[in-house]
PDB file of N, CA and C in Angstrom:
ATOM      1  N   MET A   1     117.574 156.334 120.942  1.00  0.00           N
ATOM      2  CA  MET A   1     116.884 157.186 121.883  1.00  0.00           C
ATOM      3  C   MET A   1     117.493 157.058 123.282  1.00  0.00           C
ATOM      4  N   ILE A   2     117.949 155.880 123.645  1.00  0.00           N
ATOM      5  CA  ILE A   2     118.519 155.689 124.983  1.00  0.00           C
ATOM      6  C   ILE A   2     119.739 156.577 125.187  1.00  0.00           C
ATOM      7  N   ALA A   3     120.601 156.671 124.182  1.00  0.00           N
ATOM      8  CA  ALA A   3     121.780 157.532 124.304  1.00  0.00           C
ATOM      9  C   ALA A   3     121.372 158.986 124.474  1.00  0.00           C
ATOM     10  N   THR A   4     120.324 159.411 123.789  1.00  0.00           N
ATOM     11  CA  THR A   4     119.833 160.779 123.898  1.00  0.00           C
ATOM     12  C   THR A   4     119.293 161.045 125.301  1.00  0.00           C
ATOM     13  N   ILE A   5     118.568 160.111 125.854  1.00  0.00           N
ATOM     14  CA  ILE A   5     118.043 160.261 127.220  1.00  0.00           C
ATOM     15  C   ILE A   5     119.199 160.417 128.204  1.00  0.00           C
ATOM     16  N   LYS A   6     120.214 159.581 128.047  1.00  0.00           N
ATOM     17  CA  LYS A   6     121.353 159.653 128.968  1.00  0.00           C
ATOM     18  C   LYS A   6     122.066 160.994 128.844  1.00  0.00           C
ATOM     19  N   THR A   7     122.265 161.452 127.605  1.00  0.00           N
ATOM     20  CA  THR A   7     122.976 162.711 127.376  1.00  0.00           C
ATOM     21  C   THR A   7     122.170 163.911 127.837  1.00  0.00           C
ATOM     22  N   GLU A   8     120.898 163.965 127.477  1.00  0.00           N
ATOM     23  CA  GLU A   8     120.087 165.152 127.733  1.00  0.00           C
ATOM     24  C   GLU A   8     119.434 165.184 129.108  1.00  0.00           C
ATOM     25  N   LEU A   9     119.346 164.045 129.778  1.00  0.00           N
ATOM     26  CA  LEU A   9     118.626 164.042 131.056  1.00  0.00           C
ATOM     27  C   LEU A   9     119.411 163.370 132.178  1.00  0.00           C
ATOM     28  N   ILE A  10     119.662 162.113 132.059  1.00  0.00           N
ATOM     29  CA  ILE A  10     120.168 161.325 133.180  1.00  0.00           C
ATOM     30  C   ILE A  10     121.543 161.788 133.657  1.00  0.00           C
ATOM     31  N   ASN A  11     122.467 161.992 132.739  1.00  0.00           N
ATOM     32  CA  ASN A  11     123.844 162.309 133.130  1.00  0.00           C
ATOM     33  C   ASN A  11     124.100 163.793 133.401  1.00  0.00           C
ATOM     34  N   ARG A  12     123.091 164.617 133.320  1.00  0.00           N
ATOM     35  CA  ARG A  12     123.294 166.060 133.533  1.00  0.00           C
ATOM     36  C   ARG A  12     123.466 166.436 134.991  1.00  0.00           C
ATOM     37  N   ARG A  13     122.921 165.635 135.884  1.00  0.00           N
ATOM     38  CA  ARG A  13     123.025 165.959 137.304  1.00  0.00           C
ATOM     39  C   ARG A  13     122.722 164.727 138.134  1.00  0.00           C
ATOM     40  N   PRO A  14     123.090 164.738 139.401  1.00  0.00           N
ATOM     41  CA  PRO A  14     122.732 163.607 140.265  1.00  0.00           C
ATOM     42  C   PRO A  14     121.242 163.686 140.626  1.00  0.00           C
ATOM     43  N   TRP A  15     120.619 162.553 140.760  1.00  0.00           N
ATOM     44  CA  TRP A  15     119.198 162.496 141.101  1.00  0.00           C
ATOM     45  C   TRP A  15     119.060 162.051 142.548  1.00  0.00           C
ATOM     46  N   PRO A  16     118.396 162.858 143.391  1.00  0.00           N
ATOM     47  CA  PRO A  16     118.296 162.533 144.826  1.00  0.00           C
ATOM     48  C   PRO A  16     117.615 161.185 145.085  1.00  0.00           C
ATOM     49  N   THR A  17     116.561 160.902 144.312  1.00  0.00           N
ATOM     50  CA  THR A  17     115.849 159.636 144.495  1.00  0.00           C
ATOM     51  C   THR A  17     115.496 159.058 143.136  1.00  0.00           C
ATOM     52  N   ARG A  18     115.201 157.799 143.151  1.00  0.00           N
ATOM     53  CA  ARG A  18     114.763 157.136 141.920  1.00  0.00           C
ATOM     54  C   ARG A  18     113.457 157.749 141.428  1.00  0.00           C
ATOM     55  N   LEU A  19     112.568 158.098 142.347  1.00  0.00           N
ATOM     56  CA  LEU A  19     111.304 158.713 141.967  1.00  0.00           C
ATOM     57  C   LEU A  19     111.530 160.036 141.243  1.00  0.00           C
ATOM     58  N   ASP A  20     112.462 160.840 141.704  1.00  0.00           N
ATOM     59  CA  ASP A  20     112.780 162.097 141.025  1.00  0.00           C
ATOM     60  C   ASP A  20     113.199 161.840 139.580  1.00  0.00           C
ATOM     61  N   LEU A  21     114.036 160.848 139.390  1.00  0.00           N
ATOM     62  CA  LEU A  21     114.484 160.507 138.042  1.00  0.00           C
ATOM     63  C   LEU A  21     113.333 159.982 137.197  1.00  0.00           C
ATOM     64  N   GLU A  22     112.502 159.130 137.761  1.00  0.00           N
ATOM     65  CA  GLU A  22     111.375 158.574 137.013  1.00  0.00           C
ATOM     66  C   GLU A  22     110.416 159.673 136.566  1.00  0.00           C
ATOM     67  N   LEU A  23     110.126 160.622 137.440  1.00  0.00           N
ATOM     68  CA  LEU A  23     109.222 161.713 137.086  1.00  0.00           C
ATOM     69  C   LEU A  23     109.837 162.610 136.013  1.00  0.00           C
ATOM     70  N   ALA A  24     111.121 162.886 136.140  1.00  0.00           N
ATOM     71  CA  ALA A  24     111.806 163.682 135.125  1.00  0.00           C
ATOM     72  C   ALA A  24     111.822 162.945 133.787  1.00  0.00           C
ATOM     73  N   LEU A  25     111.995 161.649 133.830  1.00  0.00           N
ATOM     74  CA  LEU A  25     112.004 160.845 132.612  1.00  0.00           C
ATOM     75  C   LEU A  25     110.646 160.882 131.912  1.00  0.00           C
ATOM     76  N   LEU A  26     109.587 160.788 132.663  1.00  0.00           N
ATOM     77  CA  LEU A  26     108.248 160.883 132.069  1.00  0.00           C
ATOM     78  C   LEU A  26     108.042 162.229 131.381  1.00  0.00           C
ATOM     79  N   GLY A  27     108.481 163.297 132.014  1.00  0.00           N
ATOM     80  CA  GLY A  27     108.367 164.622 131.413  1.00  0.00           C
ATOM     81  C   GLY A  27     109.222 164.754 130.167  1.00  0.00           C
ATOM     82  N   TRP A  28     110.424 164.169 130.205  1.00  0.00           N
ATOM     83  CA  TRP A  28     111.321 164.246 129.058  1.00  0.00           C
ATOM     84  C   TRP A  28     110.749 163.477 127.878  1.00  0.00           C
ATOM     85  N   ILE A  29     110.188 162.300 128.113  1.00  0.00           N
ATOM     86  CA  ILE A  29     109.592 161.508 127.034  1.00  0.00           C
ATOM     87  C   ILE A  29     108.426 162.262 126.406  1.00  0.00           C
ATOM     88  N   ARG A  30     107.627 162.901 127.226  1.00  0.00           N
ATOM     89  CA  ARG A  30     106.512 163.692 126.686  1.00  0.00           C
ATOM     90  C   ARG A  30     107.043 164.838 125.816  1.00  0.00           C
ATOM     91  N   PHE A  31     108.059 165.537 126.312  1.00  0.00           N
ATOM     92  CA  PHE A  31     108.685 166.600 125.536  1.00  0.00           C
ATOM     93  C   PHE A  31     109.230 166.048 124.224  1.00  0.00           C
ATOM     94  N   TYR A  32     109.942 164.933 124.279  1.00  0.00           N
ATOM     95  CA  TYR A  32     110.572 164.325 123.105  1.00  0.00           C
ATOM     96  C   TYR A  32     109.532 163.966 122.042  1.00  0.00           C
ATOM     97  N   ASN A  33     108.391 163.474 122.469  1.00  0.00           N
ATOM     98  CA  ASN A  33     107.364 163.046 121.521  1.00  0.00           C
ATOM     99  C   ASN A  33     106.450 164.163 121.048  1.00  0.00           C
ATOM    100  N   GLU A  34     106.215 165.163 121.885  1.00  0.00           N
ATOM    101  CA  GLU A  34     105.200 166.163 121.561  1.00  0.00           C
ATOM    102  C   GLU A  34     105.751 167.527 121.152  1.00  0.00           C
ATOM    103  N   ARG A  35     106.973 167.881 121.565  1.00  0.00           N
ATOM    104  CA  ARG A  35     107.467 169.229 121.263  1.00  0.00           C
ATOM    105  C   ARG A  35     108.820 169.269 120.575  1.00  0.00           C
ATOM    106  N   ARG A  36     109.645 168.268 120.759  1.00  0.00           N
ATOM    107  CA  ARG A  36     110.998 168.278 120.180  1.00  0.00           C
ATOM    108  C   ARG A  36     110.925 167.852 118.717  1.00  0.00           C
ATOM    109  N   THR A  37     111.343 168.743 117.843  1.00  0.00           N
ATOM    110  CA  THR A  37     111.323 168.403 116.423  1.00  0.00           C
ATOM    111  C   THR A  37     112.518 167.521 116.078  1.00  0.00           C
ATOM    112  N   HIS A  38     112.365 166.739 115.020  1.00  0.00           N
ATOM    113  CA  HIS A  38     113.382 165.773 114.625  1.00  0.00           C
ATOM    114  C   HIS A  38     113.744 165.981 113.164  1.00  0.00           C
ATOM    115  N   ARG A  39     115.031 166.080 112.889  1.00  0.00           N
ATOM    116  CA  ARG A  39     115.479 166.231 111.505  1.00  0.00           C
ATOM    117  C   ARG A  39     115.034 165.058 110.645  1.00  0.00           C
ATOM    118  N   SER A  40     115.087 163.868 111.200  1.00  0.00           N
ATOM    119  CA  SER A  40     114.707 162.679 110.432  1.00  0.00           C
ATOM    120  C   SER A  40     113.218 162.655 110.100  1.00  0.00           C
ATOM    121  N   LEU A  41     112.452 163.498 110.758  1.00  0.00           N
ATOM    122  CA  LEU A  41     111.005 163.604 110.487  1.00  0.00           C
ATOM    123  C   LEU A  41     110.675 164.922 109.797  1.00  0.00           C
ATOM    124  N   ASP A  42     111.642 165.468 109.084  1.00  0.00           N
ATOM    125  CA  ASP A  42     111.475 166.741 108.363  1.00  0.00           C
ATOM    126  C   ASP A  42     111.046 167.876 109.280  1.00  0.00           C
ATOM    127  N   GLY A  43     111.625 167.936 110.465  1.00  0.00           N
ATOM    128  CA  GLY A  43     111.352 169.022 111.388  1.00  0.00           C
ATOM    129  C   GLY A  43     110.030 168.912 112.126  1.00  0.00           C
ATOM    130  N   LYS A  44     109.436 167.735 112.102  1.00  0.00           N
ATOM    131  CA  LYS A  44     108.171 167.520 112.810  1.00  0.00           C
ATOM    132  C   LYS A  44     108.429 166.719 114.077  1.00  0.00           C
ATOM    133  N   THR A  45     107.431 166.691 114.936  1.00  0.00           N
ATOM    134  CA  THR A  45     107.519 165.873 116.145  1.00  0.00           C
ATOM    135  C   THR A  45     106.941 164.487 115.861  1.00  0.00           C
ATOM    136  N   PRO A  46     107.308 163.488 116.663  1.00  0.00           N
ATOM    137  CA  PRO A  46     106.682 162.176 116.487  1.00  0.00           C
ATOM    138  C   PRO A  46     105.156 162.238 116.621  1.00  0.00           C
ATOM    139  N   ALA A  47     104.663 163.089 117.487  1.00  0.00           N
ATOM    140  CA  ALA A  47     103.211 163.219 117.640  1.00  0.00           C
ATOM    141  C   ALA A  47     102.567 163.750 116.361  1.00  0.00           C
ATOM    142  N   GLU A  48     103.216 164.695 115.699  1.00  0.00           N
ATOM    143  CA  GLU A  48     102.680 165.223 114.437  1.00  0.00           C
ATOM    144  C   GLU A  48     102.652 164.145 113.358  1.00  0.00           C
ATOM    145  N   ILE A  49     103.694 163.344 113.289  1.00  0.00           N
ATOM    146  CA  ILE A  49     103.750 162.262 112.309  1.00  0.00           C
ATOM    147  C   ILE A  49     102.636 161.252 112.582  1.00  0.00           C
ATOM    148  N   THR A  50     102.438 160.923 113.851  1.00  0.00           N
ATOM    149  CA  THR A  50     101.385 159.989 114.227  1.00  0.00           C
ATOM    150  C   THR A  50     100.013 160.540 113.861  1.00  0.00           C
ATOM    151  N   ASP A  51      99.774 161.822 114.143  1.00  0.00           N
ATOM    152  CA  ASP A  51      98.493 162.450 113.799  1.00  0.00           C
ATOM    153  C   ASP A  51      98.258 162.430 112.293  1.00  0.00           C
ATOM    154  N   GLU A  52      99.297 162.739 111.517  1.00  0.00           N
ATOM    155  CA  GLU A  52      99.176 162.720 110.056  1.00  0.00           C
ATOM    156  C   GLU A  52      98.825 161.319 109.557  1.00  0.00           C
ATOM    157  N   TYR A  53      99.478 160.323 110.103  1.00  0.00           N
ATOM    158  CA  TYR A  53      99.219 158.947 109.707  1.00  0.00           C
ATOM    159  C   TYR A  53      97.757 158.588 109.964  1.00  0.00           C
ATOM    160  N   HIS A  54      97.268 158.875 111.155  1.00  0.00           N
ATOM    161  CA  HIS A  54      95.890 158.519 111.496  1.00  0.00           C
ATOM    162  C   HIS A  54      94.884 159.308 110.661  1.00  0.00           C
ATOM    163  N   ARG A  55      95.180 160.575 110.394  1.00  0.00           N
ATOM    164  CA  ARG A  55      94.294 161.381 109.569  1.00  0.00           C
ATOM    165  C   ARG A  55      94.213 160.806 108.153  1.00  0.00           C
ATOM    166  N   LYS A  56      95.358 160.466 107.560  1.00  0.00           N
ATOM    167  CA  LYS A  56      95.375 159.892 106.212  1.00  0.00           C
ATOM    168  C   LYS A  56      94.668 158.548 106.181  1.00  0.00           C
ATOM    169  N   HIS A  57      94.930 157.729 107.200  1.00  0.00           N
ATOM    170  CA  HIS A  57      94.295 156.412 107.256  1.00  0.00           C
ATOM    171  C   HIS A  57      92.770 156.547 107.368  1.00  0.00           C
ATOM    172  N   LYS A  58      92.321 157.504 108.167  1.00  0.00           N
ATOM    173  CA  LYS A  58      90.889 157.735 108.337  1.00  0.00           C
ATOM    174  C   LYS A  58      90.278 158.197 107.015  1.00  0.00           C
ATOM    175  N   GLU A  59      90.962 159.103 106.303  1.00  0.00           N
ATOM    176  CA  GLU A  59      90.468 159.595 105.013  1.00  0.00           C
ATOM    177  C   GLU A  59      90.372 158.449 104.006  1.00  0.00           C
ATOM    178  N   GLN A  60      91.382 157.588 103.965  1.00  0.00           N
ATOM    179  CA  GLN A  60      91.378 156.473 103.022  1.00  0.00           C
ATOM    180  C   GLN A  60      90.265 155.498 103.346  1.00  0.00           C
ATOM    181  N   THR A  61      90.041 155.278 104.621  1.00  0.00           N
ATOM    182  CA  THR A  61      88.969 154.351 105.058  1.00  0.00           C
ATOM    183  C   THR A  61      87.602 154.904 104.673  1.00  0.00           C
ATOM    184  N   GLN A  62      87.418 156.219 104.836  1.00  0.00           N
ATOM    185  CA  GLN A  62      86.147 156.847 104.507  1.00  0.00           C
ATOM    186  C   GLN A  62      85.882 156.807 103.000  1.00  0.00           C
ATOM    187  N   LYS A  63      86.928 156.889 102.174  1.00  0.00           N
ATOM    188  CA  LYS A  63      86.772 156.857 100.725  1.00  0.00           C
ATOM    189  C   LYS A  63      86.331 155.476 100.240  1.00  0.00           C
ATOM    190  N   THR A  64      86.745 154.426 100.944  1.00  0.00           N
ATOM    191  CA  THR A  64      86.432 153.084 100.509  1.00  0.00           C
ATOM    192  C   THR A  64      85.111 152.566 101.045  1.00  0.00           C
ATOM    193  N   THR A  65      84.495 153.313 101.939  1.00  0.00           N
ATOM    194  CA  THR A  65      83.201 152.854 102.489  1.00  0.00           C
ATOM    195  C   THR A  65      82.064 153.669 101.971  1.00  0.00           C
TER     196      THR A  65
END
C-alpha cells in the first residue's frame, strides 16, 4: 500500500505544507478503503469486505444463541 500511496498521491506534485499532504493523505486513504475497488478482493472495496465479514459473523452468532 505504501508504494501505491507514493505513486498515486505523494509523488504526483509538490506539497506546499506538511498539513496539505496530511489532509490529502487522509482523503486518499478514505477513497482507497471506501470507493476504490481491488482485483484481489474480487472487485470489491475493503469496506465492502469488512461489512460482509461483520454481517456473516452477526448471522452466525444469532444462529448459535
